[in-house]
C-alpha cells in the first residue's frame, strides 16, 4: 500500500478501527522521520529488514534502537523506530510485515468505497456526486437528500430576474434594484413524475456550481439513454 494512500485515508477520516488509525499514524510518523523517503509499505519492510539484518520483530527493532542510541549517529532513524515499536501495542502479530499486510487488506477494502465529487461553498447547498446518484443538503439543513439519476428528468436553475416583468420592475424601480441584489436563484430537481424539490442559491454566478449542475444533468441523460437502448 502506498504511503500517499495512508495520508489520504487518514485525512478523509476513512479508517474505521481506532487501532488501525493509530497504526497508520505511527507508520506515517516513522516514515517522516526516516532518513530518506519511503513510497509504500513493502518498501518500508525491505528497508527495515536490511537495516536490522533480520525479521522486523519487536525484539529485533529494540536491539537496533539500542545500537542507534549508543552510537548517537542516526537520531532520526531512532525516532522512526520508536514509532514502529509502539505499533506492537495495537496488534497481536509478531512482526511488522504481518501487521502491515493485515492492515493493507482492510484498508484496501476501505479504499474501494466510492468517493464522491463534492461541491461545498458558503451560501450554496452542498452537493455530492456519485456514479449512480447525487446527494444534496440545503442551506441550514443537517441532512442530505439522495436522488438517483434514473428517477430524474432534469435539474434546472431558475433566476427570477430573467423574467421580462421582473427585468422591467428592476429597471424602473429603486426597490426592484435593491431587492434584486438579495434575490435567490433556485435550483430545481425534477423527477420523472414532475415532482419538484427547490434549493436556494446565491444570485451570483459560480463556475464550479454551474459545472456540477451540468455534470448531474449529463449523468441523468446518460442513464436515460442507456435505459432506452
C-alpha atoms as a PDB file:
ATOM      1  CA  UNK A   1       0.000   0.000   0.000  1.00  0.00           C
ATOM      2  CA  UNK A   2       1.253   3.470  -0.900  1.00  0.00           C
ATOM      3  CA  UNK A   3       2.230   5.955   1.814  1.00  0.00           C
ATOM      4  CA  UNK A   4       0.196   8.598  -0.043  1.00  0.00           C
ATOM      5  CA  UNK A   5      -2.887   6.360   0.285  1.00  0.00           C
ATOM      6  CA  UNK A   6      -2.399   6.222   4.057  1.00  0.00           C
ATOM      7  CA  UNK A   7      -2.236  10.018   4.201  1.00  0.00           C
ATOM      8  CA  UNK A   8      -5.428  10.289   2.158  1.00  0.00           C
ATOM      9  CA  UNK A   9      -7.369   7.756   4.252  1.00  0.00           C
ATOM     10  CA  UNK A  10      -6.301   9.490   7.434  1.00  0.00           C
ATOM     11  CA  UNK A  11      -7.171  12.954   6.104  1.00  0.00           C
ATOM     12  CA  UNK A  12     -10.598  11.711   4.953  1.00  0.00           C
ATOM     13  CA  UNK A  13     -11.252  10.115   8.362  1.00  0.00           C
ATOM     14  CA  UNK A  14     -11.945   6.880   6.468  1.00  0.00           C
ATOM     15  CA  UNK A  15     -10.208   4.467   8.871  1.00  0.00           C
ATOM     16  CA  UNK A  16     -12.868   2.798  10.990  1.00  0.00           C
ATOM     17  CA  UNK A  17     -10.890   0.974  13.686  1.00  0.00           C
ATOM     18  CA  UNK A  18      -9.102   3.076  16.302  1.00  0.00           C
ATOM     19  CA  UNK A  19      -6.237   0.577  16.393  1.00  0.00           C
ATOM     20  CA  UNK A  20      -5.796   0.816  12.604  1.00  0.00           C
ATOM     21  CA  UNK A  21      -5.838   4.600  12.800  1.00  0.00           C
ATOM     22  CA  UNK A  22      -3.133   4.544  15.476  1.00  0.00           C
ATOM     23  CA  UNK A  23      -1.014   2.132  13.448  1.00  0.00           C
ATOM     24  CA  UNK A  24      -1.320   4.362  10.371  1.00  0.00           C
ATOM     25  CA  UNK A  25      -0.368   7.447  12.377  1.00  0.00           C
ATOM     26  CA  UNK A  26       2.714   5.608  13.698  1.00  0.00           C
ATOM     27  CA  UNK A  27       3.696   4.412  10.232  1.00  0.00           C
ATOM     28  CA  UNK A  28       3.454   7.945   8.852  1.00  0.00           C
ATOM     29  CA  UNK A  29       5.434   9.305  11.780  1.00  0.00           C
ATOM     30  CA  UNK A  30       8.101   6.642  11.250  1.00  0.00           C
ATOM     31  CA  UNK A  31       8.282   7.315   7.507  1.00  0.00           C
ATOM     32  CA  UNK A  32       8.539  11.050   8.105  1.00  0.00           C
ATOM     33  CA  UNK A  33      11.490  10.583  10.481  1.00  0.00           C
ATOM     34  CA  UNK A  34      13.355   8.057   8.328  1.00  0.00           C
ATOM     35  CA  UNK A  35      16.447   9.447   6.649  1.00  0.00           C
ATOM     36  CA  UNK A  36      15.003   9.070   3.119  1.00  0.00           C
ATOM     37  CA  UNK A  37      11.552   8.987   1.569  1.00  0.00           C
ATOM     38  CA  UNK A  38       9.584   5.714   1.538  1.00  0.00           C
ATOM     39  CA  UNK A  39       6.915   5.191  -1.130  1.00  0.00           C
ATOM     40  CA  UNK A  40       4.996   2.140   0.107  1.00  0.00           C
ATOM     41  CA  UNK A  41       4.726  -0.369   2.961  1.00  0.00           C
ATOM     42  CA  UNK A  42       6.502  -3.198   1.126  1.00  0.00           C
ATOM     43  CA  UNK A  43       9.477  -0.931   0.504  1.00  0.00           C
ATOM     44  CA  UNK A  44       9.474   0.092   4.165  1.00  0.00           C
ATOM     45  CA  UNK A  45       9.650  -3.555   5.282  1.00  0.00           C
ATOM     46  CA  UNK A  46      12.509  -4.273   2.847  1.00  0.00           C
ATOM     47  CA  UNK A  47      14.434  -1.256   4.147  1.00  0.00           C
ATOM     48  CA  UNK A  48      13.852  -2.222   7.781  1.00  0.00           C
ATOM     49  CA  UNK A  49      14.848  -5.871   7.273  1.00  0.00           C
ATOM     50  CA  UNK A  50      18.118  -4.795   5.664  1.00  0.00           C
ATOM     51  CA  UNK A  51      18.724  -2.214   8.382  1.00  0.00           C
ATOM     52  CA  UNK A  52      18.214  -4.607  11.303  1.00  0.00           C
ATOM     53  CA  UNK A  53      19.541  -7.677   9.479  1.00  0.00           C
ATOM     54  CA  UNK A  54      16.510  -9.864  10.107  1.00  0.00           C
ATOM     55  CA  UNK A  55      12.764 -10.104  10.645  1.00  0.00           C
ATOM     56  CA  UNK A  56      11.003  -6.972  11.905  1.00  0.00           C
ATOM     57  CA  UNK A  57      10.043  -8.328  15.333  1.00  0.00           C
ATOM     58  CA  UNK A  58       9.674  -6.066  18.348  1.00  0.00           C
ATOM     59  CA  UNK A  59      12.768  -7.640  19.882  1.00  0.00           C
ATOM     60  CA  UNK A  60      14.930  -7.020  16.796  1.00  0.00           C
ATOM     61  CA  UNK A  61      13.715  -3.442  16.489  1.00  0.00           C
ATOM     62  CA  UNK A  62      14.529  -2.782  20.142  1.00  0.00           C
ATOM     63  CA  UNK A  63      18.032  -4.211  19.675  1.00  0.00           C
ATOM     64  CA  UNK A  64      18.612  -1.926  16.693  1.00  0.00           C
ATOM     65  CA  UNK A  65      17.250   1.057  18.619  1.00  0.00           C
ATOM     66  CA  UNK A  66      19.699   0.337  21.443  1.00  0.00           C
ATOM     67  CA  UNK A  67      22.595   0.372  18.944  1.00  0.00           C
ATOM     68  CA  UNK A  68      21.363   3.658  17.474  1.00  0.00           C
ATOM     69  CA  UNK A  69      21.211   5.218  20.926  1.00  0.00           C
ATOM     70  CA  UNK A  70      24.721   4.021  21.765  1.00  0.00           C
ATOM     71  CA  UNK A  71      26.197   5.428  18.556  1.00  0.00           C
ATOM     72  CA  UNK A  72      24.308   8.767  18.623  1.00  0.00           C
ATOM     73  CA  UNK A  73      24.766   8.969  14.850  1.00  0.00           C
ATOM     74  CA  UNK A  74      21.294   8.149  13.496  1.00  0.00           C
ATOM     75  CA  UNK A  75      18.897  10.126  15.682  1.00  0.00           C
ATOM     76  CA  UNK A  76      16.180  10.424  13.024  1.00  0.00           C
ATOM     77  CA  UNK A  77      16.107   6.659  12.488  1.00  0.00           C
ATOM     78  CA  UNK A  78      15.920   6.247  16.275  1.00  0.00           C
ATOM     79  CA  UNK A  79      12.770   8.366  16.352  1.00  0.00           C
ATOM     80  CA  UNK A  80      11.375   6.309  13.489  1.00  0.00           C
ATOM     81  CA  UNK A  81      11.990   3.011  15.307  1.00  0.00           C
ATOM     82  CA  UNK A  82      10.206   4.343  18.393  1.00  0.00           C
ATOM     83  CA  UNK A  83       7.055   4.886  16.298  1.00  0.00           C
ATOM     84  CA  UNK A  84       7.364   1.391  14.806  1.00  0.00           C
ATOM     85  CA  UNK A  85       7.943  -0.382  18.137  1.00  0.00           C
ATOM     86  CA  UNK A  86       4.826   1.301  19.552  1.00  0.00           C
ATOM     87  CA  UNK A  87       2.752  -0.346  16.780  1.00  0.00           C
ATOM     88  CA  UNK A  88       3.005  -3.709  18.587  1.00  0.00           C
ATOM     89  CA  UNK A  89       0.731  -2.261  21.300  1.00  0.00           C
ATOM     90  CA  UNK A  90      -2.100  -2.211  18.744  1.00  0.00           C
ATOM     91  CA  UNK A  91      -1.664  -5.600  17.069  1.00  0.00           C
ATOM     92  CA  UNK A  92      -1.237  -9.242  18.056  1.00  0.00           C
ATOM     93  CA  UNK A  93       1.117 -10.104  15.202  1.00  0.00           C
ATOM     94  CA  UNK A  94       4.749 -10.907  15.884  1.00  0.00           C
ATOM     95  CA  UNK A  95       6.404  -8.728  13.224  1.00  0.00           C
ATOM     96  CA  UNK A  96       5.738  -5.596  11.201  1.00  0.00           C
ATOM     97  CA  UNK A  97       5.487  -7.410   7.892  1.00  0.00           C
ATOM     98  CA  UNK A  98       2.459  -9.350   9.123  1.00  0.00           C
ATOM     99  CA  UNK A  99       0.982  -6.222  10.693  1.00  0.00           C
ATOM    100  CA  UNK A 100       1.425  -4.189   7.501  1.00  0.00           C
ATOM    101  CA  UNK A 101      -0.057  -6.972   5.332  1.00  0.00           C
ATOM    102  CA  UNK A 102      -3.084  -7.332   7.597  1.00  0.00           C
ATOM    103  CA  UNK A 103      -3.566  -3.566   7.689  1.00  0.00           C
ATOM    104  CA  UNK A 104      -3.285  -3.274   3.898  1.00  0.00           C
ATOM    105  CA  UNK A 105      -6.017  -5.865   3.337  1.00  0.00           C
ATOM    106  CA  UNK A 106      -8.505  -3.945   5.477  1.00  0.00           C
ATOM    107  CA  UNK A 107      -7.587  -0.506   4.189  1.00  0.00           C
ATOM    108  CA  UNK A 108      -7.653  -1.592   0.547  1.00  0.00           C
ATOM    109  CA  UNK A 109     -11.277  -2.633   1.082  1.00  0.00           C
ATOM    110  CA  UNK A 110     -11.971   0.795   2.571  1.00  0.00           C
ATOM    111  CA  UNK A 111     -10.233   2.423  -0.384  1.00  0.00           C
ATOM    112  CA  UNK A 112     -12.660   0.723  -2.790  1.00  0.00           C
ATOM    113  CA  UNK A 113     -15.584   2.693  -1.383  1.00  0.00           C
ATOM    114  CA  UNK A 114     -16.687   5.219  -3.978  1.00  0.00           C
ATOM    115  CA  UNK A 115     -15.577   8.743  -3.187  1.00  0.00           C
ATOM    116  CA  UNK A 116     -17.912  11.477  -4.386  1.00  0.00           C
ATOM    117  CA  UNK A 117     -17.063  14.711  -6.112  1.00  0.00           C
ATOM    118  CA  UNK A 118     -18.096  17.414  -3.659  1.00  0.00           C
ATOM    119  CA  UNK A 119     -19.226  20.990  -4.163  1.00  0.00           C
ATOM    120  CA  UNK A 120     -19.102  22.998  -0.943  1.00  0.00           C
ATOM    121  CA  UNK A 121     -19.180  26.778  -0.827  1.00  0.00           C
ATOM    122  CA  UNK A 122     -20.657  29.187   1.703  1.00  0.00           C
ATOM    123  CA  UNK A 123     -24.220  30.160   0.854  1.00  0.00           C
ATOM    124  CA  UNK A 124     -24.775  27.217  -1.516  1.00  0.00           C
ATOM    125  CA  UNK A 125     -26.303  23.777  -0.990  1.00  0.00           C
ATOM    126  CA  UNK A 126     -23.666  21.073  -0.516  1.00  0.00           C
ATOM    127  CA  UNK A 127     -23.666  18.573  -3.393  1.00  0.00           C
ATOM    128  CA  UNK A 128     -22.047  15.132  -3.500  1.00  0.00           C
ATOM    129  CA  UNK A 129     -21.947  13.499  -6.932  1.00  0.00           C
ATOM    130  CA  UNK A 130     -21.641   9.712  -7.184  1.00  0.00           C
ATOM    131  CA  UNK A 131     -21.710   7.372 -10.162  1.00  0.00           C
ATOM    132  CA  UNK A 132     -25.411   6.415  -9.838  1.00  0.00           C
ATOM    133  CA  UNK A 133     -26.854   9.204  -7.722  1.00  0.00           C
ATOM    134  CA  UNK A 134     -26.192  12.541  -6.081  1.00  0.00           C
ATOM    135  CA  UNK A 135     -26.896  13.907  -2.627  1.00  0.00           C
ATOM    136  CA  UNK A 136     -27.746  17.489  -1.750  1.00  0.00           C
ATOM    137  CA  UNK A 137     -28.070  19.339   1.535  1.00  0.00           C
ATOM    138  CA  UNK A 138     -29.972  22.602   1.660  1.00  0.00           C
ATOM    139  CA  UNK A 139     -28.620  25.693   3.392  1.00  0.00           C
ATOM    140  CA  UNK A 140     -29.128  25.482   7.182  1.00  0.00           C
ATOM    141  CA  UNK A 141     -30.184  21.814   6.994  1.00  0.00           C
ATOM    142  CA  UNK A 142     -28.239  18.949   8.577  1.00  0.00           C
ATOM    143  CA  UNK A 143     -29.355  16.031   6.394  1.00  0.00           C
ATOM    144  CA  UNK A 144     -28.692  15.159   2.760  1.00  0.00           C
ATOM    145  CA  UNK A 145     -31.404  14.084   0.325  1.00  0.00           C
ATOM    146  CA  UNK A 146     -30.463  11.370  -2.152  1.00  0.00           C
ATOM    147  CA  UNK A 147     -31.568  11.463  -5.813  1.00  0.00           C
ATOM    148  CA  UNK A 148     -30.920   8.527  -8.149  1.00  0.00           C
ATOM    149  CA  UNK A 149     -30.340   9.586 -11.737  1.00  0.00           C
ATOM    150  CA  UNK A 150     -32.706   7.025 -13.247  1.00  0.00           C
ATOM    151  CA  UNK A 151     -35.634   8.599 -11.338  1.00  0.00           C
ATOM    152  CA  UNK A 152     -34.933  12.141 -12.519  1.00  0.00           C
ATOM    153  CA  UNK A 153     -35.935  14.175 -15.541  1.00  0.00           C
ATOM    154  CA  UNK A 154     -33.528  17.086 -15.077  1.00  0.00           C
ATOM    155  CA  UNK A 155     -32.238  19.765 -12.743  1.00  0.00           C
ATOM    156  CA  UNK A 156     -32.549  23.430 -13.648  1.00  0.00           C
ATOM    157  CA  UNK A 157     -31.543  26.836 -12.340  1.00  0.00           C
ATOM    158  CA  UNK A 158     -34.340  29.414 -12.154  1.00  0.00           C
ATOM    159  CA  UNK A 159     -33.309  33.054 -11.933  1.00  0.00           C
ATOM    160  CA  UNK A 160     -36.349  35.273 -11.189  1.00  0.00           C
ATOM    161  CA  UNK A 161     -34.521  38.329 -12.523  1.00  0.00           C
ATOM    162  CA  UNK A 162     -34.502  36.877 -16.045  1.00  0.00           C
ATOM    163  CA  UNK A 163     -38.308  37.009 -16.421  1.00  0.00           C
ATOM    164  CA  UNK A 164     -39.317  40.017 -18.525  1.00  0.00           C
ATOM    165  CA  UNK A 165     -41.655  41.543 -15.949  1.00  0.00           C
ATOM    166  CA  UNK A 166     -39.001  41.265 -13.256  1.00  0.00           C
ATOM    167  CA  UNK A 167     -36.421  42.842 -15.536  1.00  0.00           C
ATOM    168  CA  UNK A 168     -38.843  45.714 -16.202  1.00  0.00           C
ATOM    169  CA  UNK A 169     -39.537  46.135 -12.479  1.00  0.00           C
ATOM    170  CA  UNK A 170     -35.839  46.130 -11.649  1.00  0.00           C
ATOM    171  CA  UNK A 171     -35.002  48.660 -14.344  1.00  0.00           C
ATOM    172  CA  UNK A 172     -37.796  51.068 -13.380  1.00  0.00           C
ATOM    173  CA  UNK A 173     -37.979  50.783  -9.606  1.00  0.00           C
ATOM    174  CA  UNK A 174     -35.441  51.662  -6.930  1.00  0.00           C
ATOM    175  CA  UNK A 175     -36.953  48.982  -4.703  1.00  0.00           C
ATOM    176  CA  UNK A 176     -36.662  46.464  -7.508  1.00  0.00           C
ATOM    177  CA  UNK A 177     -32.972  47.275  -7.860  1.00  0.00           C
ATOM    178  CA  UNK A 178     -32.429  46.880  -4.123  1.00  0.00           C
ATOM    179  CA  UNK A 179     -34.293  43.595  -3.767  1.00  0.00           C
ATOM    180  CA  UNK A 180     -32.778  42.144  -6.935  1.00  0.00           C
ATOM    181  CA  UNK A 181     -29.439  42.063  -5.097  1.00  0.00           C
ATOM    182  CA  UNK A 182     -30.788  39.830  -2.314  1.00  0.00           C
ATOM    183  CA  UNK A 183     -32.892  37.566  -4.523  1.00  0.00           C
ATOM    184  CA  UNK A 184     -32.052  33.876  -4.721  1.00  0.00           C
ATOM    185  CA  UNK A 185     -31.501  31.702  -7.765  1.00  0.00           C
ATOM    186  CA  UNK A 186     -33.490  28.487  -7.356  1.00  0.00           C
ATOM    187  CA  UNK A 187     -32.051  25.071  -8.104  1.00  0.00           C
ATOM    188  CA  UNK A 188     -34.938  22.770  -9.004  1.00  0.00           C
ATOM    189  CA  UNK A 189     -34.633  18.986  -9.009  1.00  0.00           C
ATOM    190  CA  UNK A 190     -37.421  17.475 -11.140  1.00  0.00           C
ATOM    191  CA  UNK A 191     -38.200  13.760 -11.236  1.00  0.00           C
ATOM    192  CA  UNK A 192     -39.972  11.829 -13.982  1.00  0.00           C
ATOM    193  CA  UNK A 193     -43.335  12.318 -12.242  1.00  0.00           C
ATOM    194  CA  UNK A 194     -42.743  16.095 -12.424  1.00  0.00           C
ATOM    195  CA  UNK A 195     -42.364  16.394  -8.674  1.00  0.00           C
ATOM    196  CA  UNK A 196     -40.004  19.218  -7.753  1.00  0.00           C
ATOM    197  CA  UNK A 197     -37.557  19.950  -4.931  1.00  0.00           C
ATOM    198  CA  UNK A 198     -36.272  23.508  -4.666  1.00  0.00           C
ATOM    199  CA  UNK A 199     -32.933  24.641  -3.218  1.00  0.00           C
ATOM    200  CA  UNK A 200     -31.953  28.276  -2.827  1.00  0.00           C
ATOM    201  CA  UNK A 201     -28.580  29.513  -4.074  1.00  0.00           C
ATOM    202  CA  UNK A 202     -26.981  32.981  -4.142  1.00  0.00           C
ATOM    203  CA  UNK A 203     -27.891  35.240  -7.065  1.00  0.00           C
ATOM    204  CA  UNK A 204     -24.282  35.382  -8.231  1.00  0.00           C
ATOM    205  CA  UNK A 205     -22.740  33.087 -10.797  1.00  0.00           C
ATOM    206  CA  UNK A 206     -20.316  30.404  -9.619  1.00  0.00           C
ATOM    207  CA  UNK A 207     -18.485  28.418 -12.306  1.00  0.00           C
ATOM    208  CA  UNK A 208     -17.915  25.364 -10.084  1.00  0.00           C
ATOM    209  CA  UNK A 209     -21.577  25.227  -9.090  1.00  0.00           C
ATOM    210  CA  UNK A 210     -22.630  25.507 -12.733  1.00  0.00           C
ATOM    211  CA  UNK A 211     -20.184  22.740 -13.623  1.00  0.00           C
ATOM    212  CA  UNK A 212     -21.746  20.443 -11.012  1.00  0.00           C
ATOM    213  CA  UNK A 213     -25.265  21.080 -12.312  1.00  0.00           C
ATOM    214  CA  UNK A 214     -24.113  20.305 -15.869  1.00  0.00           C
ATOM    215  CA  UNK A 215     -22.390  17.151 -14.628  1.00  0.00           C
ATOM    216  CA  UNK A 216     -25.561  15.935 -12.925  1.00  0.00           C
ATOM    217  CA  UNK A 217     -27.718  16.652 -15.988  1.00  0.00           C
ATOM    218  CA  UNK A 218     -25.217  14.804 -18.161  1.00  0.00           C
ATOM    219  CA  UNK A 219     -25.447  11.765 -15.862  1.00  0.00           C
ATOM    220  CA  UNK A 220     -29.262  11.925 -15.930  1.00  0.00           C
ATOM    221  CA  UNK A 221     -29.252  11.987 -19.749  1.00  0.00           C
ATOM    222  CA  UNK A 222     -26.661   9.205 -19.963  1.00  0.00           C
ATOM    223  CA  UNK A 223     -28.706   6.926 -17.701  1.00  0.00           C
ATOM    224  CA  UNK A 224     -31.883   7.724 -19.665  1.00  0.00           C
ATOM    225  CA  UNK A 225     -30.188   6.957 -22.999  1.00  0.00           C
ATOM    226  CA  UNK A 226     -28.809   3.650 -21.709  1.00  0.00           C
ATOM    227  CA  UNK A 227     -32.250   2.696 -20.369  1.00  0.00           C
ATOM    228  CA  UNK A 228     -33.931   3.075 -23.753  1.00  0.00           C
ATOM    229  CA  UNK A 229     -31.276   1.298 -25.817  1.00  0.00           C
END
